[in-house]
PDB file of N, CA and C in Angstrom:
ATOM      1  N   UNK A   1       4.861  30.149 168.787  1.00  0.00           N
ATOM      2  CA  UNK A   1       4.162  28.990 169.196  1.00  0.00           C
ATOM      3  C   UNK A   1       2.864  28.800 168.346  1.00  0.00           C
ATOM      4  N   UNK A   2       2.081  29.887 168.232  1.00  0.00           N
ATOM      5  CA  UNK A   2       0.830  29.822 167.472  1.00  0.00           C
ATOM      6  C   UNK A   2       1.201  29.532 166.058  1.00  0.00           C
ATOM      7  N   UNK A   3       2.262  30.070 165.501  1.00  0.00           N
ATOM      8  CA  UNK A   3       2.653  29.834 164.126  1.00  0.00           C
ATOM      9  C   UNK A   3       2.962  28.322 163.962  1.00  0.00           C
ATOM     10  N   UNK A   4       3.674  27.688 164.863  1.00  0.00           N
ATOM     11  CA  UNK A   4       3.951  26.264 164.743  1.00  0.00           C
ATOM     12  C   UNK A   4       2.686  25.442 164.793  1.00  0.00           C
ATOM     13  N   UNK A   5       1.754  25.823 165.650  1.00  0.00           N
ATOM     14  CA  UNK A   5       0.517  25.060 165.798  1.00  0.00           C
ATOM     15  C   UNK A   5      -0.312  25.131 164.489  1.00  0.00           C
ATOM     16  N   UNK A   6      -0.338  26.322 163.911  1.00  0.00           N
ATOM     17  CA  UNK A   6      -1.024  26.516 162.587  1.00  0.00           C
ATOM     18  C   UNK A   6      -0.371  25.757 161.505  1.00  0.00           C
ATOM     19  N   UNK A   7       0.940  25.790 161.501  1.00  0.00           N
ATOM     20  CA  UNK A   7       1.706  25.043 160.477  1.00  0.00           C
ATOM     21  C   UNK A   7       1.467  23.517 160.592  1.00  0.00           C
ATOM     22  N   UNK A   8       1.430  23.001 161.843  1.00  0.00           N
ATOM     23  CA  UNK A   8       1.175  21.577 162.050  1.00  0.00           C
ATOM     24  C   UNK A   8      -0.235  21.227 161.578  1.00  0.00           C
ATOM     25  N   UNK A   9      -1.172  22.060 161.925  1.00  0.00           N
ATOM     26  CA  UNK A   9      -2.486  21.817 161.548  1.00  0.00           C
ATOM     27  C   UNK A   9      -2.654  21.772 159.970  1.00  0.00           C
ATOM     28  N   UNK A  10      -2.032  22.703 159.350  1.00  0.00           N
ATOM     29  CA  UNK A  10      -2.029  22.760 157.881  1.00  0.00           C
ATOM     30  C   UNK A  10      -1.425  21.548 157.234  1.00  0.00           C
ATOM     31  N   UNK A  11      -0.266  21.070 157.810  1.00  0.00           N
ATOM     32  CA  UNK A  11       0.396  19.910 157.266  1.00  0.00           C
ATOM     33  C   UNK A  11      -0.419  18.667 157.501  1.00  0.00           C
ATOM     34  N   UNK A  12      -1.112  18.593 158.618  1.00  0.00           N
ATOM     35  CA  UNK A  12      -1.976  17.414 158.893  1.00  0.00           C
ATOM     36  C   UNK A  12      -3.140  17.373 157.925  1.00  0.00           C
ATOM     37  N   UNK A  13      -3.752  18.567 157.637  1.00  0.00           N
ATOM     38  CA  UNK A  13      -4.834  18.644 156.661  1.00  0.00           C
ATOM     39  C   UNK A  13      -4.416  18.216 155.286  1.00  0.00           C
ATOM     40  N   UNK A  14      -3.204  18.660 154.892  1.00  0.00           N
ATOM     41  CA  UNK A  14      -2.638  18.230 153.615  1.00  0.00           C
ATOM     42  C   UNK A  14      -2.461  16.711 153.543  1.00  0.00           C
ATOM     43  N   UNK A  15      -1.931  16.154 154.587  1.00  0.00           N
ATOM     44  CA  UNK A  15      -1.689  14.718 154.679  1.00  0.00           C
ATOM     45  C   UNK A  15      -2.965  13.935 154.589  1.00  0.00           C
ATOM     46  N   UNK A  16      -3.987  14.403 155.325  1.00  0.00           N
ATOM     47  CA  UNK A  16      -5.285  13.671 155.293  1.00  0.00           C
ATOM     48  C   UNK A  16      -5.875  13.778 153.903  1.00  0.00           C
ATOM     49  N   UNK A  17      -5.777  14.886 153.292  1.00  0.00           N
ATOM     50  CA  UNK A  17      -6.320  15.111 151.929  1.00  0.00           C
ATOM     51  C   UNK A  17      -5.604  14.165 150.882  1.00  0.00           C
ATOM     52  N   UNK A  18      -4.334  14.095 150.970  1.00  0.00           N
ATOM     53  CA  UNK A  18      -3.611  13.233 150.023  1.00  0.00           C
ATOM     54  C   UNK A  18      -3.882  11.737 150.312  1.00  0.00           C
ATOM     55  N   UNK A  19      -4.085  11.328 151.522  1.00  0.00           N
ATOM     56  CA  UNK A  19      -4.455   9.921 151.853  1.00  0.00           C
ATOM     57  C   UNK A  19      -5.834   9.613 151.282  1.00  0.00           C
ATOM     58  N   UNK A  20      -6.749  10.591 151.449  1.00  0.00           N
ATOM     59  CA  UNK A  20      -8.125  10.397 150.895  1.00  0.00           C
ATOM     60  C   UNK A  20      -8.099  10.224 149.439  1.00  0.00           C
ATOM     61  N   UNK A  21      -7.258  11.023 148.757  1.00  0.00           N
ATOM     62  CA  UNK A  21      -7.147  11.025 147.311  1.00  0.00           C
ATOM     63  C   UNK A  21      -6.564   9.673 146.825  1.00  0.00           C
ATOM     64  N   UNK A  22      -5.689   9.014 147.638  1.00  0.00           N
ATOM     65  CA  UNK A  22      -5.167   7.763 147.243  1.00  0.00           C
ATOM     66  C   UNK A  22      -6.115   6.613 147.465  1.00  0.00           C
ATOM     67  N   UNK A  23      -7.049   6.794 148.318  1.00  0.00           N
ATOM     68  CA  UNK A  23      -8.021   5.712 148.625  1.00  0.00           C
ATOM     69  C   UNK A  23      -9.113   5.599 147.583  1.00  0.00           C
ATOM     70  N   UNK A  24      -9.345   6.579 146.802  1.00  0.00           N
ATOM     71  CA  UNK A  24     -10.378   6.540 145.799  1.00  0.00           C
ATOM     72  C   UNK A  24     -10.160   5.389 144.855  1.00  0.00           C
ATOM     73  N   UNK A  25     -11.250   4.779 144.508  1.00  0.00           N
ATOM     74  CA  UNK A  25     -11.223   3.620 143.591  1.00  0.00           C
ATOM     75  C   UNK A  25     -10.812   4.118 142.185  1.00  0.00           C
ATOM     76  N   UNK A  26      -9.992   3.396 141.447  1.00  0.00           N
ATOM     77  CA  UNK A  26      -9.559   3.856 140.133  1.00  0.00           C
ATOM     78  C   UNK A  26     -10.758   3.663 139.193  1.00  0.00           C
ATOM     79  N   UNK A  27     -10.770   4.415 138.103  1.00  0.00           N
ATOM     80  CA  UNK A  27     -11.784   4.299 137.020  1.00  0.00           C
ATOM     81  C   UNK A  27     -11.574   2.908 136.344  1.00  0.00           C
ATOM     82  N   UNK A  28     -12.676   2.220 136.289  1.00  0.00           N
ATOM     83  CA  UNK A  28     -12.541   0.860 135.748  1.00  0.00           C
ATOM     84  C   UNK A  28     -12.763   0.928 134.258  1.00  0.00           C
ATOM     85  N   UNK A  29     -11.858   0.406 133.478  1.00  0.00           N
ATOM     86  CA  UNK A  29     -12.053   0.373 132.000  1.00  0.00           C
ATOM     87  C   UNK A  29     -13.006  -0.678 131.645  1.00  0.00           C
ATOM     88  N   UNK A  30     -13.719  -0.582 130.545  1.00  0.00           N
ATOM     89  CA  UNK A  30     -14.722  -1.578 130.203  1.00  0.00           C
ATOM     90  C   UNK A  30     -13.992  -2.829 129.756  1.00  0.00           C
ATOM     91  N   UNK A  31     -14.677  -3.938 129.934  1.00  0.00           N
ATOM     92  CA  UNK A  31     -14.164  -5.247 129.509  1.00  0.00           C
ATOM     93  C   UNK A  31     -14.092  -5.247 127.996  1.00  0.00           C
ATOM     94  N   UNK A  32     -12.940  -5.596 127.363  1.00  0.00           N
ATOM     95  CA  UNK A  32     -12.876  -5.503 125.937  1.00  0.00           C
ATOM     96  C   UNK A  32     -13.930  -6.375 125.259  1.00  0.00           C
ATOM     97  N   UNK A  33     -14.289  -7.556 125.766  1.00  0.00           N
ATOM     98  CA  UNK A  33     -15.244  -8.462 125.090  1.00  0.00           C
ATOM     99  C   UNK A  33     -16.639  -7.798 125.194  1.00  0.00           C
ATOM    100  N   UNK A  34     -17.042  -7.255 126.344  1.00  0.00           N
ATOM    101  CA  UNK A  34     -18.324  -6.555 126.519  1.00  0.00           C
ATOM    102  C   UNK A  34     -18.387  -5.324 125.667  1.00  0.00           C
ATOM    103  N   UNK A  35     -17.349  -4.616 125.479  1.00  0.00           N
ATOM    104  CA  UNK A  35     -17.370  -3.427 124.620  1.00  0.00           C
ATOM    105  C   UNK A  35     -17.495  -3.849 123.184  1.00  0.00           C
ATOM    106  N   UNK A  36     -16.818  -4.941 122.809  1.00  0.00           N
ATOM    107  CA  UNK A  36     -16.980  -5.414 121.410  1.00  0.00           C
ATOM    108  C   UNK A  36     -18.472  -5.823 121.143  1.00  0.00           C
ATOM    109  N   UNK A  37     -19.059  -6.580 122.117  1.00  0.00           N
ATOM    110  CA  UNK A  37     -20.456  -7.002 121.914  1.00  0.00           C
ATOM    111  C   UNK A  37     -21.372  -5.816 121.886  1.00  0.00           C
ATOM    112  N   UNK A  38     -21.123  -4.808 122.702  1.00  0.00           N
ATOM    113  CA  UNK A  38     -21.949  -3.600 122.702  1.00  0.00           C
ATOM    114  C   UNK A  38     -21.929  -2.862 121.354  1.00  0.00           C
ATOM    115  N   UNK A  39     -20.753  -2.766 120.722  1.00  0.00           N
ATOM    116  CA  UNK A  39     -20.588  -2.085 119.455  1.00  0.00           C
ATOM    117  C   UNK A  39     -21.078  -3.010 118.279  1.00  0.00           C
ATOM    118  N   UNK A  40     -20.976  -4.290 118.424  1.00  0.00           N
ATOM    119  CA  UNK A  40     -21.318  -5.215 117.370  1.00  0.00           C
ATOM    120  C   UNK A  40     -22.827  -5.444 117.253  1.00  0.00           C
ATOM    121  N   UNK A  41     -23.508  -5.644 118.400  1.00  0.00           N
ATOM    122  CA  UNK A  41     -24.928  -6.062 118.427  1.00  0.00           C
ATOM    123  C   UNK A  41     -25.869  -5.166 117.632  1.00  0.00           C
ATOM    124  N   UNK A  42     -25.714  -3.886 117.621  1.00  0.00           N
ATOM    125  CA  UNK A  42     -26.663  -3.047 116.784  1.00  0.00           C
ATOM    126  C   UNK A  42     -26.615  -3.453 115.334  1.00  0.00           C
ATOM    127  N   UNK A  43     -25.431  -3.815 114.800  1.00  0.00           N
ATOM    128  CA  UNK A  43     -25.328  -4.249 113.412  1.00  0.00           C
ATOM    129  C   UNK A  43     -26.028  -5.575 113.135  1.00  0.00           C
ATOM    130  N   UNK A  44     -26.169  -6.380 114.215  1.00  0.00           N
ATOM    131  CA  UNK A  44     -26.788  -7.680 114.017  1.00  0.00           C
ATOM    132  C   UNK A  44     -28.287  -7.717 114.223  1.00  0.00           C
ATOM    133  N   UNK A  45     -28.799  -6.694 114.777  1.00  0.00           N
ATOM    134  CA  UNK A  45     -30.271  -6.558 114.952  1.00  0.00           C
ATOM    135  C   UNK A  45     -30.974  -6.696 113.629  1.00  0.00           C
ATOM    136  N   UNK A  46     -32.000  -7.488 113.563  1.00  0.00           N
ATOM    137  CA  UNK A  46     -32.773  -7.650 112.374  1.00  0.00           C
ATOM    138  C   UNK A  46     -32.184  -8.763 111.474  1.00  0.00           C
ATOM    139  N   UNK A  47     -30.925  -9.078 111.682  1.00  0.00           N
ATOM    140  CA  UNK A  47     -30.372 -10.254 110.898  1.00  0.00           C
ATOM    141  C   UNK A  47     -30.428 -11.475 111.665  1.00  0.00           C
ATOM    142  N   UNK A  48     -30.148 -11.459 112.996  1.00  0.00           N
ATOM    143  CA  UNK A  48     -30.107 -12.678 113.803  1.00  0.00           C
ATOM    144  C   UNK A  48     -30.983 -12.527 114.979  1.00  0.00           C
ATOM    145  N   UNK A  49     -31.560 -13.704 115.462  1.00  0.00           N
ATOM    146  CA  UNK A  49     -32.483 -13.705 116.588  1.00  0.00           C
ATOM    147  C   UNK A  49     -31.791 -13.267 117.912  1.00  0.00           C
ATOM    148  N   UNK A  50     -30.526 -13.677 118.116  1.00  0.00           N
ATOM    149  CA  UNK A  50     -29.814 -13.308 119.335  1.00  0.00           C
ATOM    150  C   UNK A  50     -28.511 -12.590 118.982  1.00  0.00           C
ATOM    151  N   UNK A  51     -28.581 -11.315 118.662  1.00  0.00           N
ATOM    152  CA  UNK A  51     -27.407 -10.556 118.197  1.00  0.00           C
ATOM    153  C   UNK A  51     -26.262 -10.590 119.212  1.00  0.00           C
ATOM    154  N   UNK A  52     -26.524 -10.512 120.508  1.00  0.00           N
ATOM    155  CA  UNK A  52     -25.398 -10.536 121.418  1.00  0.00           C
ATOM    156  C   UNK A  52     -24.650 -11.855 121.470  1.00  0.00           C
ATOM    157  N   UNK A  53     -25.420 -12.915 121.286  1.00  0.00           N
ATOM    158  CA  UNK A  53     -24.883 -14.314 121.231  1.00  0.00           C
ATOM    159  C   UNK A  53     -23.985 -14.394 120.011  1.00  0.00           C
ATOM    160  N   UNK A  54     -24.436 -13.893 118.848  1.00  0.00           N
ATOM    161  CA  UNK A  54     -23.661 -13.934 117.612  1.00  0.00           C
ATOM    162  C   UNK A  54     -22.369 -13.161 117.817  1.00  0.00           C
ATOM    163  N   UNK A  55     -22.457 -11.957 118.322  1.00  0.00           N
ATOM    164  CA  UNK A  55     -21.291 -11.083 118.542  1.00  0.00           C
ATOM    165  C   UNK A  55     -20.315 -11.711 119.520  1.00  0.00           C
ATOM    166  N   UNK A  56     -20.825 -12.277 120.645  1.00  0.00           N
ATOM    167  CA  UNK A  56     -19.952 -12.945 121.568  1.00  0.00           C
ATOM    168  C   UNK A  56     -19.230 -14.103 121.000  1.00  0.00           C
ATOM    169  N   UNK A  57     -19.951 -14.894 120.198  1.00  0.00           N
ATOM    170  CA  UNK A  57     -19.331 -16.039 119.519  1.00  0.00           C
ATOM    171  C   UNK A  57     -18.282 -15.587 118.561  1.00  0.00           C
ATOM    172  N   UNK A  58     -18.552 -14.581 117.759  1.00  0.00           N
ATOM    173  CA  UNK A  58     -17.538 -14.084 116.840  1.00  0.00           C
ATOM    174  C   UNK A  58     -16.257 -13.624 117.563  1.00  0.00           C
ATOM    175  N   UNK A  59     -16.442 -12.999 118.708  1.00  0.00           N
ATOM    176  CA  UNK A  59     -15.268 -12.566 119.480  1.00  0.00           C
ATOM    177  C   UNK A  59     -14.540 -13.707 120.040  1.00  0.00           C
ATOM    178  N   UNK A  60     -15.269 -14.724 120.567  1.00  0.00           N
ATOM    179  CA  UNK A  60     -14.634 -15.852 121.313  1.00  0.00           C
ATOM    180  C   UNK A  60     -14.119 -16.908 120.435  1.00  0.00           C
ATOM    181  N   UNK A  61     -14.672 -17.065 119.206  1.00  0.00           N
ATOM    182  CA  UNK A  61     -14.288 -18.204 118.380  1.00  0.00           C
ATOM    183  C   UNK A  61     -13.648 -17.785 117.036  1.00  0.00           C
ATOM    184  N   UNK A  62     -14.319 -16.906 116.296  1.00  0.00           N
ATOM    185  CA  UNK A  62     -13.786 -16.536 115.022  1.00  0.00           C
ATOM    186  C   UNK A  62     -12.535 -15.693 115.188  1.00  0.00           C
ATOM    187  N   UNK A  63     -12.636 -14.563 115.921  1.00  0.00           N
ATOM    188  CA  UNK A  63     -11.500 -13.669 116.088  1.00  0.00           C
ATOM    189  C   UNK A  63     -10.409 -14.361 116.957  1.00  0.00           C
ATOM    190  N   UNK A  64     -10.719 -15.242 117.883  1.00  0.00           N
ATOM    191  CA  UNK A  64      -9.743 -15.902 118.631  1.00  0.00           C
ATOM    192  C   UNK A  64      -8.899 -16.849 117.800  1.00  0.00           C
ATOM    193  N   UNK A  65      -9.423 -17.267 116.676  1.00  0.00           N
ATOM    194  CA  UNK A  65      -8.642 -18.129 115.810  1.00  0.00           C
ATOM    195  C   UNK A  65      -7.489 -17.434 115.101  1.00  0.00           C
ATOM    196  N   UNK A  66      -7.486 -16.149 115.106  1.00  0.00           N
ATOM    197  CA  UNK A  66      -6.449 -15.331 114.447  1.00  0.00           C
ATOM    198  C   UNK A  66      -5.361 -15.022 115.484  1.00  0.00           C
ATOM    199  N   UNK A  67      -4.162 -15.640 115.269  1.00  0.00           N
ATOM    200  CA  UNK A  67      -3.114 -15.400 116.175  1.00  0.00           C
ATOM    201  C   UNK A  67      -2.482 -13.981 116.088  1.00  0.00           C
ATOM    202  N   UNK A  68      -2.364 -13.504 114.878  1.00  0.00           N
ATOM    203  CA  UNK A  68      -1.648 -12.176 114.686  1.00  0.00           C
ATOM    204  C   UNK A  68      -2.549 -11.096 115.268  1.00  0.00           C
ATOM    205  N   UNK A  69      -1.889 -10.260 116.118  1.00  0.00           N
ATOM    206  CA  UNK A  69      -2.583  -9.187 116.782  1.00  0.00           C
ATOM    207  C   UNK A  69      -3.163  -8.153 115.856  1.00  0.00           C
ATOM    208  N   UNK A  70      -2.359  -7.745 114.838  1.00  0.00           N
ATOM    209  CA  UNK A  70      -2.856  -6.703 113.932  1.00  0.00           C
ATOM    210  C   UNK A  70      -4.051  -7.235 113.139  1.00  0.00           C
ATOM    211  N   UNK A  71      -3.971  -8.451 112.655  1.00  0.00           N
ATOM    212  CA  UNK A  71      -5.080  -8.972 111.858  1.00  0.00           C
ATOM    213  C   UNK A  71      -6.300  -9.164 112.730  1.00  0.00           C
ATOM    214  N   UNK A  72      -6.128  -9.612 113.949  1.00  0.00           N
ATOM    215  CA  UNK A  72      -7.308  -9.865 114.859  1.00  0.00           C
ATOM    216  C   UNK A  72      -7.914  -8.459 115.165  1.00  0.00           C
ATOM    217  N   UNK A  73      -7.094  -7.442 115.505  1.00  0.00           N
ATOM    218  CA  UNK A  73      -7.717  -6.146 115.758  1.00  0.00           C
ATOM    219  C   UNK A  73      -8.458  -5.593 114.537  1.00  0.00           C
ATOM    220  N   UNK A  74      -7.911  -5.794 113.349  1.00  0.00           N
ATOM    221  CA  UNK A  74      -8.600  -5.355 112.138  1.00  0.00           C
ATOM    222  C   UNK A  74      -9.895  -6.041 111.926  1.00  0.00           C
ATOM    223  N   UNK A  75      -9.868  -7.361 112.190  1.00  0.00           N
ATOM    224  CA  UNK A  75     -11.159  -8.136 112.098  1.00  0.00           C
ATOM    225  C   UNK A  75     -12.213  -7.702 113.081  1.00  0.00           C
ATOM    226  N   UNK A  76     -11.794  -7.497 114.329  1.00  0.00           N
ATOM    227  CA  UNK A  76     -12.694  -7.047 115.305  1.00  0.00           C
ATOM    228  C   UNK A  76     -13.242  -5.687 114.964  1.00  0.00           C
ATOM    229  N   UNK A  77     -12.375  -4.849 114.446  1.00  0.00           N
ATOM    230  CA  UNK A  77     -12.875  -3.503 114.000  1.00  0.00           C
ATOM    231  C   UNK A  77     -13.881  -3.639 112.839  1.00  0.00           C
ATOM    232  N   UNK A  78     -13.572  -4.471 111.931  1.00  0.00           N
ATOM    233  CA  UNK A  78     -14.514  -4.711 110.789  1.00  0.00           C
ATOM    234  C   UNK A  78     -15.865  -5.161 111.246  1.00  0.00           C
ATOM    235  N   UNK A  79     -15.877  -6.086 112.184  1.00  0.00           N
ATOM    236  CA  UNK A  79     -17.144  -6.616 112.717  1.00  0.00           C
ATOM    237  C   UNK A  79     -17.915  -5.532 113.443  1.00  0.00           C
ATOM    238  N   UNK A  80     -17.276  -4.775 114.259  1.00  0.00           N
ATOM    239  CA  UNK A  80     -17.989  -3.737 115.076  1.00  0.00           C
ATOM    240  C   UNK A  80     -18.433  -2.603 114.174  1.00  0.00           C
ATOM    241  N   UNK A  81     -17.763  -2.364 113.073  1.00  0.00           N
ATOM    242  CA  UNK A  81     -18.161  -1.209 112.284  1.00  0.00           C
ATOM    243  C   UNK A  81     -19.169  -1.556 111.208  1.00  0.00           C
ATOM    244  N   UNK A  82     -19.143  -2.843 110.751  1.00  0.00           N
ATOM    245  CA  UNK A  82     -20.050  -3.236 109.642  1.00  0.00           C
ATOM    246  C   UNK A  82     -20.998  -4.346 109.975  1.00  0.00           C
ATOM    247  N   UNK A  83     -20.702  -5.122 111.036  1.00  0.00           N
ATOM    248  CA  UNK A  83     -21.551  -6.271 111.385  1.00  0.00           C
ATOM    249  C   UNK A  83     -21.246  -7.510 110.667  1.00  0.00           C
ATOM    250  N   UNK A  84     -20.242  -7.466 109.874  1.00  0.00           N
ATOM    251  CA  UNK A  84     -19.786  -8.664 109.147  1.00  0.00           C
ATOM    252  C   UNK A  84     -18.270  -8.791 109.274  1.00  0.00           C
ATOM    253  N   UNK A  85     -17.739 -10.015 109.271  1.00  0.00           N
ATOM    254  CA  UNK A  85     -16.291 -10.151 109.284  1.00  0.00           C
ATOM    255  C   UNK A  85     -15.612  -9.514 108.091  1.00  0.00           C
ATOM    256  N   UNK A  86     -14.879  -8.448 108.290  1.00  0.00           N
ATOM    257  CA  UNK A  86     -14.234  -7.761 107.102  1.00  0.00           C
ATOM    258  C   UNK A  86     -12.908  -7.194 107.689  1.00  0.00           C
ATOM    259  N   UNK A  87     -11.998  -7.028 106.760  1.00  0.00           N
ATOM    260  CA  UNK A  87     -10.702  -6.357 107.093  1.00  0.00           C
ATOM    261  C   UNK A  87     -10.409  -5.438 105.961  1.00  0.00           C
ATOM    262  N   UNK A  88     -10.292  -4.202 106.259  1.00  0.00           N
ATOM    263  CA  UNK A  88      -9.857  -3.159 105.279  1.00  0.00           C
ATOM    264  C   UNK A  88      -8.377  -3.220 105.224  1.00  0.00           C
ATOM    265  N   UNK A  89      -7.774  -3.163 104.030  1.00  0.00           N
ATOM    266  CA  UNK A  89      -6.341  -3.254 103.906  1.00  0.00           C
ATOM    267  C   UNK A  89      -5.666  -2.097 104.675  1.00  0.00           C
ATOM    268  N   UNK A  90      -6.253  -0.927 104.707  1.00  0.00           N
ATOM    269  CA  UNK A  90      -5.663   0.208 105.426  1.00  0.00           C
ATOM    270  C   UNK A  90      -5.474  -0.043 106.923  1.00  0.00           C
ATOM    271  N   UNK A  91      -6.225  -1.013 107.490  1.00  0.00           N
ATOM    272  CA  UNK A  91      -6.201  -1.350 108.833  1.00  0.00           C
ATOM    273  C   UNK A  91      -5.046  -2.209 109.253  1.00  0.00           C
ATOM    274  N   UNK A  92      -4.333  -2.815 108.236  1.00  0.00           N
ATOM    275  CA  UNK A  92      -3.299  -3.815 108.465  1.00  0.00           C
ATOM    276  C   UNK A  92      -1.964  -3.270 107.909  1.00  0.00           C
ATOM    277  N   UNK A  93      -0.916  -3.497 108.642  1.00  0.00           N
ATOM    278  CA  UNK A  93       0.442  -3.039 108.143  1.00  0.00           C
ATOM    279  C   UNK A  93       0.666  -3.631 106.771  1.00  0.00           C
ATOM    280  N   UNK A  94       1.396  -2.926 105.940  1.00  0.00           N
ATOM    281  CA  UNK A  94       1.613  -3.364 104.500  1.00  0.00           C
ATOM    282  C   UNK A  94       2.270  -4.772 104.522  1.00  0.00           C
ATOM    283  N   UNK A  95       3.108  -5.040 105.455  1.00  0.00           N
ATOM    284  CA  UNK A  95       3.831  -6.374 105.501  1.00  0.00           C
ATOM    285  C   UNK A  95       2.868  -7.563 105.736  1.00  0.00           C
ATOM    286  N   UNK A  96       1.662  -7.273 106.306  1.00  0.00           N
ATOM    287  CA  UNK A  96       0.786  -8.315 106.593  1.00  0.00           C
ATOM    288  C   UNK A  96      -0.409  -8.372 105.683  1.00  0.00           C
ATOM    289  N   UNK A  97      -0.506  -7.538 104.757  1.00  0.00           N
ATOM    290  CA  UNK A  97      -1.722  -7.479 103.870  1.00  0.00           C
ATOM    291  C   UNK A  97      -1.863  -8.777 103.111  1.00  0.00           C
ATOM    292  N   UNK A  98      -0.847  -9.551 102.770  1.00  0.00           N
ATOM    293  CA  UNK A  98      -0.941 -10.792 102.069  1.00  0.00           C
ATOM    294  C   UNK A  98      -1.606 -11.870 102.955  1.00  0.00           C
ATOM    295  N   UNK A  99      -1.652 -11.621 104.241  1.00  0.00           N
ATOM    296  CA  UNK A  99      -2.255 -12.597 105.168  1.00  0.00           C
ATOM    297  C   UNK A  99      -3.798 -12.442 105.341  1.00  0.00           C
ATOM    298  N   UNK A 100      -4.349 -11.443 104.723  1.00  0.00           N
ATOM    299  CA  UNK A 100      -5.766 -11.188 104.887  1.00  0.00           C
ATOM    300  C   UNK A 100      -6.613 -12.341 104.347  1.00  0.00           C
ATOM    301  N   UNK A 101      -6.295 -12.816 103.106  1.00  0.00           N
ATOM    302  CA  UNK A 101      -7.022 -13.954 102.507  1.00  0.00           C
ATOM    303  C   UNK A 101      -6.943 -15.202 103.300  1.00  0.00           C
ATOM    304  N   UNK A 102      -5.755 -15.661 103.707  1.00  0.00           N
ATOM    305  CA  UNK A 102      -5.615 -16.892 104.577  1.00  0.00           C
ATOM    306  C   UNK A 102      -6.319 -16.663 105.929  1.00  0.00           C
ATOM    307  N   UNK A 103      -6.383 -15.420 106.454  1.00  0.00           N
ATOM    308  CA  UNK A 103      -7.139 -15.253 107.683  1.00  0.00           C
ATOM    309  C   UNK A 103      -8.581 -15.499 107.508  1.00  0.00           C
ATOM    310  N   UNK A 104      -9.179 -15.058 106.395  1.00  0.00           N
ATOM    311  CA  UNK A 104     -10.567 -15.357 106.186  1.00  0.00           C
ATOM    312  C   UNK A 104     -10.796 -16.836 105.996  1.00  0.00           C
ATOM    313  N   UNK A 105      -9.892 -17.519 105.397  1.00  0.00           N
ATOM    314  CA  UNK A 105     -10.015 -18.933 105.234  1.00  0.00           C
ATOM    315  C   UNK A 105     -10.047 -19.622 106.616  1.00  0.00           C
ATOM    316  N   UNK A 106      -9.203 -19.122 107.499  1.00  0.00           N
ATOM    317  CA  UNK A 106      -9.019 -19.664 108.881  1.00  0.00           C
ATOM    318  C   UNK A 106     -10.286 -19.429 109.682  1.00  0.00           C
ATOM    319  N   UNK A 107     -10.962 -18.287 109.499  1.00  0.00           N
ATOM    320  CA  UNK A 107     -12.151 -17.916 110.317  1.00  0.00           C
ATOM    321  C   UNK A 107     -13.466 -18.352 109.667  1.00  0.00           C
ATOM    322  N   UNK A 108     -13.460 -18.942 108.477  1.00  0.00           N
ATOM    323  CA  UNK A 108     -14.682 -19.228 107.779  1.00  0.00           C
ATOM    324  C   UNK A 108     -15.568 -20.164 108.522  1.00  0.00           C
ATOM    325  N   UNK A 109     -15.032 -21.289 108.995  1.00  0.00           N
ATOM    326  CA  UNK A 109     -15.878 -22.253 109.724  1.00  0.00           C
ATOM    327  C   UNK A 109     -16.412 -21.704 111.056  1.00  0.00           C
ATOM    328  N   UNK A 110     -15.538 -21.105 111.903  1.00  0.00           N
ATOM    329  CA  UNK A 110     -16.122 -20.575 113.184  1.00  0.00           C
ATOM    330  C   UNK A 110     -17.054 -19.423 112.907  1.00  0.00           C
ATOM    331  N   UNK A 111     -16.852 -18.674 111.862  1.00  0.00           N
ATOM    332  CA  UNK A 111     -17.807 -17.575 111.561  1.00  0.00           C
ATOM    333  C   UNK A 111     -19.160 -18.063 111.194  1.00  0.00           C
ATOM    334  N   UNK A 112     -19.231 -19.055 110.301  1.00  0.00           N
ATOM    335  CA  UNK A 112     -20.504 -19.629 109.908  1.00  0.00           C
ATOM    336  C   UNK A 112     -21.135 -20.325 111.141  1.00  0.00           C
ATOM    337  N   UNK A 113     -20.329 -20.957 111.976  1.00  0.00           N
ATOM    338  CA  UNK A 113     -20.928 -21.567 113.222  1.00  0.00           C
ATOM    339  C   UNK A 113     -21.645 -20.478 114.075  1.00  0.00           C
ATOM    340  N   UNK A 114     -20.897 -19.352 114.235  1.00  0.00           N
ATOM    341  CA  UNK A 114     -21.416 -18.250 115.078  1.00  0.00           C
ATOM    342  C   UNK A 114     -22.648 -17.662 114.453  1.00  0.00           C
ATOM    343  N   UNK A 115     -22.712 -17.477 113.172  1.00  0.00           N
ATOM    344  CA  UNK A 115     -23.858 -16.835 112.492  1.00  0.00           C
ATOM    345  C   UNK A 115     -25.122 -17.686 112.550  1.00  0.00           C
ATOM    346  N   UNK A 116     -24.865 -19.003 112.376  1.00  0.00           N
ATOM    347  CA  UNK A 116     -26.054 -19.868 112.222  1.00  0.00           C
ATOM    348  C   UNK A 116     -26.334 -20.772 113.400  1.00  0.00           C
ATOM    349  N   UNK A 117     -25.429 -20.902 114.380  1.00  0.00           N
ATOM    350  CA  UNK A 117     -25.652 -21.665 115.535  1.00  0.00           C
ATOM    351  C   UNK A 117     -24.760 -21.184 116.662  1.00  0.00           C
ATOM    352  N   UNK A 118     -24.959 -19.936 117.105  1.00  0.00           N
ATOM    353  CA  UNK A 118     -23.989 -19.366 118.119  1.00  0.00           C
ATOM    354  C   UNK A 118     -23.945 -20.029 119.488  1.00  0.00           C
ATOM    355  N   UNK A 119     -24.903 -20.900 119.751  1.00  0.00           N
ATOM    356  CA  UNK A 119     -24.882 -21.541 121.077  1.00  0.00           C
ATOM    357  C   UNK A 119     -23.809 -22.650 121.188  1.00  0.00           C
ATOM    358  N   UNK A 120     -23.306 -23.170 120.100  1.00  0.00           N
ATOM    359  CA  UNK A 120     -22.259 -24.194 120.122  1.00  0.00           C
ATOM    360  C   UNK A 120     -20.916 -23.633 120.201  1.00  0.00           C
TER     361      UNK A 120
END
């Protein structure tokens, strides 16, 4: 009888522990836009009056104009690593490297808008 009581207490403790483990809030991943602005802004300091606004604008307008996922990710990487819109050929699959030039043509106007008037 004592053995059964101990076993029941042990099982209930395990159950309570597993329920508490499931209730914990999951680790929240950072917002991709906020993370981009955080990495981008230090490169813009000294160049622009409102570096966060410039970075946010580049993310929302210039990079958003690029439909292809690989090219957009390469562009975002270039901005966060250098502070200017750039795409290294190594960051893009070989089959899409010919699209780098047209991508820069597509983002030229929104990029200039972001750099010189990010509020619009």
